[in-house]
Amino acid sequence: MERQRARIELDYLLHEVEHELFLTSEELVLSREQVGLSEQRREMATAAYELGETDLLQVVISLQRAQDSQLALQSLQLREQELIIEYNQTLGLLP
């Protein structure tokens, strides 16, 4: 009885981790796209500033957004690694 309950609990945990891994991998795709777009915006703002078409504030804002998107990507990459570790631990695999 206890063994069956433990097995059900492990199956549930495994399912939850698999689901979170799937969602995180989808978020990573979007986050990588966001990083690319933020970098493009930063480059465009810098070019516009150099041409005198905008002020320095717009460059700083675009730089901050590029850094924020890069930080979000790194955070998601770390979360993915944590989930992989949790998945392997649930299966009883050693590193």
Protein backbone atom coordinates (compact mmCIF):
# COMPACT_ATOMS: atom_id res chain seq x y z
CA MET A 1 0.00 0.00 0.00
CA GLU A 2 2.76 2.47 0.97
CA ARG A 3 4.81 1.43 -2.01
CA GLN A 4 1.87 2.01 -4.35
CA ARG A 5 1.24 5.44 -2.83
CA ALA A 6 4.93 6.35 -3.26
CA ARG A 7 4.83 5.21 -6.88
CA ILE A 8 1.73 7.32 -7.58
CA GLU A 9 3.40 10.30 -5.93
CA LEU A 10 6.56 9.84 -7.99
CA ASP A 11 4.54 9.52 -11.18
CA TYR A 12 2.74 12.74 -10.33
CA LEU A 13 6.01 14.56 -9.61
CA LEU A 14 7.51 13.26 -12.84
CA HIS A 15 4.50 14.46 -14.81
CA GLU A 16 4.69 17.91 -13.20
CA VAL A 17 8.40 18.27 -13.93
CA GLU A 18 7.91 17.13 -17.54
CA HIS A 19 5.16 19.71 -17.94
CA GLU A 20 7.30 22.49 -16.46
CA LEU A 21 10.20 21.48 -18.71
CA PHE A 22 7.96 21.71 -21.74
CA LEU A 23 6.68 25.14 -20.74
CA THR A 24 10.18 26.37 -19.97
CA SER A 25 11.49 25.20 -23.34
CA GLU A 26 8.67 27.12 -25.04
CA GLU A 27 9.48 30.20 -22.96
CA LEU A 28 13.15 29.89 -23.91
CA VAL A 29 12.28 30.10 -27.60
CA LEU A 30 10.30 33.27 -27.01
CA SER A 31 12.95 34.72 -24.73
CA ARG A 32 15.68 34.18 -27.32
CA GLU A 33 13.54 36.00 -29.87
CA GLN A 34 13.02 38.81 -27.36
CA VAL A 35 16.77 39.14 -26.84
CA GLY A 36 17.28 39.45 -30.60
CA LEU A 37 14.57 42.07 -30.93
CA SER A 38 15.87 44.04 -27.97
CA GLU A 39 19.36 44.05 -29.45
CA GLN A 40 17.97 45.29 -32.76
CA ARG A 41 16.10 48.08 -30.98
CA ARG A 42 19.25 49.03 -29.09
CA GLU A 43 21.25 49.19 -32.30
CA MET A 44 18.56 51.26 -33.97
CA ALA A 45 18.34 53.67 -31.03
CA THR A 46 22.12 54.07 -31.02
CA ALA A 47 22.17 54.74 -34.76
CA ALA A 48 19.30 57.22 -34.44
CA TYR A 49 21.14 59.01 -31.63
CA GLU A 50 24.33 59.20 -33.69
CA LEU A 51 22.33 60.75 -36.51
CA GLY A 52 20.73 63.24 -34.16
CA GLU A 53 17.25 61.79 -34.62
CA THR A 54 16.65 60.96 -30.95
CA ASP A 55 17.98 61.80 -27.52
CA LEU A 56 20.23 59.86 -25.18
CA LEU A 57 17.32 58.82 -22.98
CA GLN A 58 15.98 56.60 -25.76
CA VAL A 59 19.37 54.91 -26.09
CA VAL A 60 19.53 54.29 -22.35
CA ILE A 61 15.99 52.88 -22.31
CA SER A 62 16.76 50.53 -25.20
CA LEU A 63 19.99 49.44 -23.51
CA GLN A 64 18.12 48.71 -20.27
CA ARG A 65 15.50 46.68 -22.11
CA ALA A 66 18.20 44.70 -23.92
CA GLN A 67 19.89 43.93 -20.60
CA ASP A 68 16.56 42.99 -19.01
CA SER A 69 15.75 40.56 -21.81
CA GLN A 70 19.22 39.01 -21.56
CA LEU A 71 18.76 38.59 -17.80
CA ALA A 72 15.34 36.99 -18.33
CA LEU A 73 16.89 34.53 -20.79
CA GLN A 74 19.64 33.60 -18.34
CA SER A 75 17.07 33.11 -15.61
CA LEU A 76 15.06 30.76 -17.82
CA GLN A 77 18.18 28.82 -18.75
CA LEU A 78 18.95 28.33 -15.06
CA ARG A 79 15.35 27.25 -14.41
CA GLU A 80 15.63 24.69 -17.20
CA GLN A 81 18.78 23.26 -15.61
CA GLU A 82 17.06 23.08 -12.23
CA LEU A 83 14.14 21.22 -13.79
CA ILE A 84 16.45 18.77 -15.54
CA ILE A 85 18.14 18.06 -12.21
CA GLU A 86 14.74 17.62 -10.54
CA TYR A 87 13.62 15.31 -13.35
CA ASN A 88 16.72 13.17 -13.05
CA GLN A 89 16.42 13.07 -9.28
CA THR A 90 12.80 11.95 -9.56
CA LEU A 91 13.95 9.11 -11.81
CA GLY A 92 16.69 8.24 -9.32
CA LEU A 93 19.54 9.12 -11.69
CA LEU A 94 22.80 10.34 -10.26
CA PRO A 95 24.72 13.25 -11.80
